[in-house]
Amino acid sequence: MIALFDPGREALAGLAVARRPGEHRLACPRCAESKPRRRDDALALRVEPDGGLVWICHRCGWKGARPADRPAEAGARSATFPRARAASRPAPAARLEEALARWRRARPIERGTVAWRYLEGARGLPIAAIADRLAEGDLRWSPEEAHPCGFRGPALLALVTDAVDAAPMTVHRTWLAQDGAAKAPIERPRLLWPGLGKRGGCVRLFADAEVGLALGLAEGIETALALALAVPVPSWSVLDAANLAAFPVLAGVETLWIAADHDPAGLAAAASVRARWHAAGREVLTVRPRTAGADLADLASGEMP
């Protein structure tokens, strides 16, 4: 049950006042201040035609609903999140096959490509040291990918698979500027394939065959690459704090390295997975930046909040 007074909920209501009915992405009033980022859009907000709100933050996990302050207009939809799609939309199996087909057509990340320039130049990750190993993992790139806003440009494509059985789940895309100097100058340059879930999934940046007694974990793809270069250890991205917190104990892995984002959600997630792995008798080592709001990839690129 939602508390009668919640500062974050009240702030969210204020942010939604000027927004038209429909789905929106914006900064989360609960966790954005602890990790300020340009174009922060971790919070998914649904504004109902009657003024009601339904929301979930994909970084800290905060979710809830706020009923309308006035009676619903005739014909208004009931509050749902996410919004129900038209019956003509492809079934999940068809959407997954579409996503997989797109990922299979993507290319390896090779020297001189836009993806290479982005990771090594813009993000400060010397991936030449791990390029051959990355080619066996699930991160690729496409020279032209369509964004829902109409933008077409290069993008990183990451296959998301189940953390335990490696079953394909969805594809994560990060749009880049044409020269690879930054992410694309669009709203929400990072998106999961629409209509497919990622709960319990990860991006295997290095193949399972590389994972022996040690494994590294991080929320973001670039943070996981920074960990693999710093420790070094084969590392996977779990995409967000919720997946990190729930990451299962894997057979055969004796040491888990965690690159924790230095924000409340990231630190809590790291503590949760650390406690579970410790209870299973495994060693857990955690690294995090000293600066609040930063992650390991920020240190590599010099983009400190």
Protein backbone atom coordinates (compact mmCIF):
# COMPACT_ATOMS: atom_id res chain seq x y z
CA MET A 1 0.00 0.00 0.00
CA ILE A 2 1.31 3.47 -0.87
CA ALA A 3 2.05 5.73 2.09
CA LEU A 4 -0.16 8.73 2.63
CA PHE A 5 2.80 11.05 2.21
CA ASP A 6 5.87 10.20 0.20
CA PRO A 7 8.16 13.11 -0.87
CA GLY A 8 9.21 11.25 -4.00
CA ARG A 9 5.58 10.57 -4.90
CA GLU A 10 4.64 14.18 -4.36
CA ALA A 11 7.57 15.35 -6.49
CA LEU A 12 6.54 12.93 -9.21
CA ALA A 13 3.01 14.30 -9.20
CA GLY A 14 4.44 17.77 -9.73
CA LEU A 15 6.60 16.60 -12.62
CA ALA A 16 3.59 14.99 -14.30
CA VAL A 17 1.27 17.97 -14.15
CA ALA A 18 2.19 19.36 -17.56
CA ARG A 19 2.45 15.98 -19.30
CA ARG A 20 -0.19 14.71 -21.66
CA PRO A 21 -1.75 11.26 -21.18
CA GLY A 22 0.51 8.48 -22.38
CA GLU A 23 3.87 6.97 -21.52
CA HIS A 24 6.86 9.14 -20.63
CA ARG A 25 10.46 8.69 -19.45
CA LEU A 26 12.05 11.11 -16.99
CA ALA A 27 14.46 11.38 -14.08
CA CYS A 28 13.43 9.56 -10.90
CA PRO A 29 12.83 12.00 -8.00
CA ARG A 30 14.02 9.34 -5.55
CA CYS A 31 17.39 8.36 -6.99
CA ALA A 32 18.37 10.85 -9.70
CA GLU A 33 19.90 13.32 -7.25
CA SER A 34 22.34 10.67 -5.99
CA LYS A 35 23.51 9.87 -9.53
CA PRO A 36 22.99 12.88 -11.80
CA ARG A 37 23.29 12.10 -15.49
CA ARG A 38 22.49 14.01 -18.64
CA ARG A 39 19.21 12.88 -20.22
CA ASP A 40 18.42 10.75 -17.15
CA ASP A 41 15.33 8.70 -18.03
CA ALA A 42 15.34 5.82 -15.56
CA LEU A 43 11.73 6.43 -14.50
CA ALA A 44 8.90 5.14 -16.72
CA LEU A 45 5.70 7.11 -16.10
CA ARG A 46 2.20 6.43 -17.37
CA VAL A 47 -0.22 9.38 -17.23
CA GLU A 48 -3.80 8.17 -17.53
CA PRO A 49 -6.49 10.17 -19.38
CA ASP A 50 -8.18 10.82 -16.03
CA GLY A 51 -4.97 12.22 -14.48
CA GLY A 52 -3.93 9.08 -12.59
CA LEU A 53 -0.27 8.04 -12.54
CA VAL A 54 1.49 4.67 -12.65
CA TRP A 55 5.29 4.51 -12.50
CA ILE A 56 8.39 2.35 -12.07
CA CYS A 57 12.06 3.31 -11.86
CA HIS A 58 14.31 0.93 -13.77
CA ARG A 59 17.31 1.95 -11.65
CA CYS A 60 16.20 1.91 -8.02
CA GLY A 61 13.03 -0.18 -8.44
CA TRP A 62 10.64 2.41 -6.96
CA LYS A 63 7.14 1.87 -8.27
CA GLY A 64 3.61 2.82 -7.42
CA ALA A 65 0.39 4.46 -8.51
CA ARG A 66 -1.48 7.69 -7.78
CA PRO A 67 -5.21 7.75 -8.40
CA ALA A 68 -6.83 10.58 -10.30
CA ASP A 69 -7.91 13.67 -8.37
CA ARG A 70 -11.12 13.76 -10.37
CA PRO A 71 -13.59 11.20 -11.72
CA ALA A 72 -12.50 9.47 -14.91
CA GLU A 73 -13.89 10.85 -18.13
CA ALA A 74 -16.22 8.70 -20.13
CA GLY A 75 -14.29 6.11 -22.08
CA ALA A 76 -11.03 6.66 -20.12
CA ARG A 77 -8.71 3.69 -19.82
CA SER A 78 -8.11 2.04 -16.47
CA ALA A 79 -4.63 2.43 -14.96
CA THR A 80 -2.23 -0.21 -16.23
CA PHE A 81 1.53 -0.38 -16.55
CA PRO A 82 2.76 -0.91 -19.10
CA ARG A 83 -0.14 0.09 -21.34
CA ALA A 84 -1.91 -2.76 -23.10
CA ARG A 85 -0.94 -3.00 -26.74
CA ALA A 86 -3.15 -3.53 -29.74
CA ALA A 87 -4.12 -7.12 -30.48
CA SER A 88 -2.28 -6.93 -33.80
CA ARG A 89 1.09 -6.56 -32.08
CA PRO A 90 3.32 -9.64 -32.60
CA ALA A 91 3.34 -12.29 -29.88
CA PRO A 92 6.40 -12.38 -27.56
CA ALA A 93 7.91 -15.33 -29.45
CA ALA A 94 7.73 -13.43 -32.73
CA ARG A 95 9.19 -10.28 -31.12
CA LEU A 96 12.07 -12.31 -29.70
CA GLU A 97 12.82 -13.89 -33.06
CA GLU A 98 12.79 -10.43 -34.66
CA ALA A 99 15.24 -9.15 -32.03
CA LEU A 100 17.52 -12.18 -32.42
CA ALA A 101 17.53 -11.87 -36.20
CA ARG A 102 18.61 -8.23 -35.86
CA TRP A 103 21.38 -9.15 -33.40
CA ARG A 104 22.64 -11.97 -35.64
CA ARG A 105 23.04 -9.48 -38.51
CA ALA A 106 25.12 -7.16 -36.31
CA ARG A 107 28.90 -7.06 -36.66
CA PRO A 108 31.85 -7.75 -34.36
CA ILE A 109 33.44 -4.70 -32.78
CA GLU A 110 36.67 -4.22 -34.74
CA ARG A 111 39.36 -1.56 -34.75
CA GLY A 112 38.37 1.53 -36.74
CA THR A 113 34.62 1.02 -36.46
CA VAL A 114 32.29 3.57 -34.89
CA ALA A 115 31.69 1.21 -31.97
CA TRP A 116 35.43 0.86 -31.35
CA ARG A 117 35.92 4.64 -31.44
CA TYR A 118 33.08 5.10 -28.97
CA LEU A 119 34.30 2.52 -26.45
CA GLU A 120 38.00 3.35 -26.69
CA GLY A 121 37.84 7.09 -27.39
CA ALA A 122 34.66 8.44 -25.81
CA ARG A 123 34.58 5.99 -22.91
CA GLY A 124 38.32 5.57 -22.38
CA LEU A 125 38.23 1.76 -22.50
CA PRO A 126 41.38 0.24 -24.09
CA ILE A 127 39.47 -2.64 -25.60
CA ALA A 128 42.35 -3.65 -27.89
CA ALA A 129 43.57 -5.70 -24.93
CA ILE A 130 40.39 -7.81 -24.91
CA ALA A 131 39.12 -7.46 -28.49
CA ASP A 132 39.64 -11.11 -29.45
CA ARG A 133 37.79 -12.28 -26.36
CA LEU A 134 34.96 -9.79 -26.85
CA ALA A 135 34.39 -11.20 -30.31
CA GLU A 136 33.27 -14.44 -28.63
CA GLY A 137 30.78 -12.62 -26.39
CA ASP A 138 27.35 -11.14 -26.95
CA LEU A 139 28.18 -7.49 -27.69
CA ARG A 140 28.12 -6.39 -31.34
CA TRP A 141 27.32 -3.26 -33.33
CA SER A 142 25.26 -2.14 -36.30
CA PRO A 143 26.20 0.75 -38.62
CA GLU A 144 22.53 1.75 -38.96
CA GLU A 145 19.75 1.10 -36.49
CA ALA A 146 16.33 2.75 -36.40
CA HIS A 147 15.32 4.46 -33.15
CA PRO A 148 11.60 4.90 -32.32
CA CYS A 149 12.06 8.69 -32.53
CA GLY A 150 13.00 8.40 -36.22
CA PHE A 151 16.76 8.72 -35.78
CA ARG A 152 18.85 6.24 -37.76
CA GLY A 153 22.47 5.69 -36.86
CA PRO A 154 25.09 3.33 -35.48
CA ALA A 155 24.33 1.37 -32.33
CA LEU A 156 25.77 -1.19 -29.95
CA LEU A 157 23.61 -4.34 -29.86
CA ALA A 158 23.86 -6.58 -26.79
CA LEU A 159 22.15 -9.94 -26.53
CA VAL A 160 20.50 -10.46 -23.13
CA THR A 161 20.33 -14.07 -21.96
CA ASP A 162 19.14 -15.86 -18.84
CA ALA A 163 21.89 -15.76 -16.21
CA VAL A 164 21.56 -19.48 -15.46
CA ASP A 165 20.63 -21.33 -18.65
CA ALA A 166 21.72 -18.68 -21.24
CA ALA A 167 18.33 -18.74 -23.00
CA PRO A 168 17.90 -15.61 -25.18
CA MET A 169 15.58 -13.00 -23.64
CA THR A 170 15.91 -9.68 -25.47
CA VAL A 171 18.34 -7.29 -27.16
CA HIS A 172 19.65 -4.05 -25.65
CA ARG A 173 20.61 -1.20 -28.01
CA THR A 174 22.75 1.90 -27.41
CA TRP A 175 22.65 4.49 -30.21
CA LEU A 176 25.87 6.34 -31.00
CA ALA A 177 26.79 9.58 -32.74
CA GLN A 178 27.88 9.08 -36.33
CA ASP A 179 31.53 9.69 -35.43
CA GLY A 180 31.46 7.59 -32.25
CA ALA A 181 32.41 10.59 -30.11
CA ALA A 182 29.43 10.12 -27.78
CA LYS A 183 26.02 8.54 -27.50
CA ALA A 184 23.55 9.73 -30.11
CA PRO A 185 22.11 13.21 -29.36
CA ILE A 186 18.59 11.87 -28.87
CA GLU A 187 16.29 11.27 -25.94
CA ARG A 188 16.67 7.74 -24.54
CA PRO A 189 19.68 6.56 -26.58
CA ARG A 190 19.59 3.24 -24.71
CA LEU A 191 16.58 0.95 -25.16
CA LEU A 192 15.62 -2.68 -24.74
CA TRP A 193 13.73 -4.37 -27.54
CA PRO A 194 10.06 -3.44 -27.04
CA GLY A 195 7.80 -5.99 -25.41
CA LEU A 196 10.52 -8.34 -24.10
CA GLY A 197 11.59 -8.72 -20.49
CA LYS A 198 15.10 -8.75 -19.03
CA ARG A 199 14.42 -9.91 -15.46
CA GLY A 200 17.05 -12.45 -14.49
CA GLY A 201 19.07 -11.71 -17.61
CA CYS A 202 22.60 -10.53 -18.35
CA VAL A 203 24.85 -9.60 -21.25
CA ARG A 204 27.62 -12.18 -21.53
CA LEU A 205 30.42 -9.88 -22.68
CA PHE A 206 32.72 -12.87 -22.48
CA ALA A 207 31.78 -16.41 -23.41
CA ASP A 208 30.79 -18.96 -20.77
CA ALA A 209 33.91 -20.95 -21.65
CA GLU A 210 36.02 -18.08 -20.25
CA VAL A 211 34.28 -18.10 -16.90
CA GLY A 212 36.25 -20.35 -14.58
CA LEU A 213 36.62 -19.78 -10.86
CA ALA A 214 36.02 -16.03 -11.09
CA LEU A 215 33.35 -13.80 -12.68
CA GLY A 216 32.81 -10.05 -12.70
CA LEU A 217 29.42 -8.30 -12.59
CA ALA A 218 28.32 -4.71 -13.18
CA GLU A 219 25.08 -2.96 -13.99
CA GLY A 220 26.10 -1.19 -17.19
CA ILE A 221 27.80 -2.67 -20.25
CA GLU A 222 30.59 -0.10 -20.21
CA THR A 223 31.10 -0.52 -16.46
CA ALA A 224 31.45 -4.29 -16.93
CA LEU A 225 34.06 -3.70 -19.65
CA ALA A 226 35.94 -1.34 -17.31
CA LEU A 227 35.94 -4.05 -14.63
CA ALA A 228 37.24 -6.67 -17.07
CA LEU A 229 40.09 -4.35 -18.00
CA ALA A 230 40.91 -3.31 -14.43
CA VAL A 231 40.93 -6.60 -12.53
CA PRO A 232 41.11 -8.45 -15.06
CA VAL A 233 38.29 -11.00 -14.94
CA PRO A 234 35.64 -12.05 -17.50
CA SER A 235 32.69 -9.79 -16.73
CA TRP A 236 29.01 -9.62 -17.54
CA SER A 237 26.54 -6.74 -17.49
CA VAL A 238 23.23 -7.24 -15.67
CA LEU A 239 21.82 -3.92 -17.00
CA ASP A 240 20.31 -2.59 -13.77
CA ALA A 241 20.38 -2.74 -9.97
CA ALA A 242 17.38 -5.07 -9.71
CA ASN A 243 19.08 -7.75 -11.81
CA LEU A 244 22.30 -7.30 -9.86
CA ALA A 245 20.53 -7.70 -6.53
CA ALA A 246 18.85 -10.93 -7.69
CA PHE A 247 21.85 -12.47 -9.47
CA PRO A 248 21.95 -16.18 -8.57
CA VAL A 249 24.86 -18.19 -7.20
CA LEU A 250 26.43 -19.97 -10.16
CA ALA A 251 27.93 -23.44 -9.93
CA GLY A 252 31.70 -23.50 -10.31
CA VAL A 253 32.29 -19.80 -9.68
CA GLU A 254 34.21 -19.39 -6.44
CA THR A 255 34.99 -15.65 -6.59
CA LEU A 256 32.57 -12.91 -7.65
CA TRP A 257 33.85 -9.41 -8.46
CA ILE A 258 31.25 -6.63 -8.32
CA ALA A 259 31.73 -3.19 -9.84
CA ALA A 260 29.12 -1.34 -7.80
CA ASP A 261 27.62 1.96 -8.93
CA HIS A 262 28.12 4.46 -6.12
CA ASP A 263 24.46 5.35 -5.60
CA PRO A 264 21.86 4.00 -3.14
CA ALA A 265 20.37 1.47 -5.56
CA GLY A 266 23.76 0.23 -6.74
CA LEU A 267 25.21 -0.14 -3.25
CA ALA A 268 22.08 -1.91 -1.98
CA ALA A 269 22.13 -4.29 -4.94
CA ALA A 270 25.80 -5.10 -4.35
CA ALA A 271 25.11 -5.77 -0.68
CA SER A 272 22.23 -8.11 -1.55
CA VAL A 273 24.14 -10.28 -4.00
CA ARG A 274 27.21 -10.25 -1.74
CA ALA A 275 25.18 -11.59 1.21
CA ARG A 276 23.68 -14.38 -0.92
CA TRP A 277 27.03 -15.48 -2.34
CA HIS A 278 28.70 -15.31 1.08
CA ALA A 279 25.93 -17.53 2.48
CA ALA A 280 26.81 -20.05 -0.23
CA GLY A 281 30.45 -20.01 0.86
CA ARG A 282 31.77 -17.95 -2.05
CA GLU A 283 34.24 -15.08 -2.01
CA VAL A 284 32.90 -11.66 -3.06
CA LEU A 285 35.08 -8.65 -3.84
CA THR A 286 33.49 -5.25 -4.44
CA VAL A 287 35.02 -2.22 -6.15
CA ARG A 288 33.36 1.18 -6.41
CA PRO A 289 34.41 4.77 -7.08
CA ARG A 290 34.90 7.01 -4.09
CA THR A 291 32.75 9.71 -5.65
CA ALA A 292 29.01 9.39 -5.00
CA GLY A 293 27.04 9.10 -8.21
CA ALA A 294 29.91 7.59 -10.22
CA ASP A 295 30.58 4.15 -11.67
CA LEU A 296 33.76 2.45 -12.86
CA ALA A 297 33.16 3.48 -16.48
CA ASP A 298 33.01 7.12 -15.37
CA LEU A 299 36.50 6.77 -13.95
CA ALA A 300 37.78 5.32 -17.21
CA SER A 301 36.29 8.12 -19.32
CA GLY A 302 36.85 10.96 -16.86
CA GLU A 303 33.08 11.74 -16.86
CA MET A 304 32.69 12.26 -13.13
CA PRO A 305 29.31 13.65 -11.97
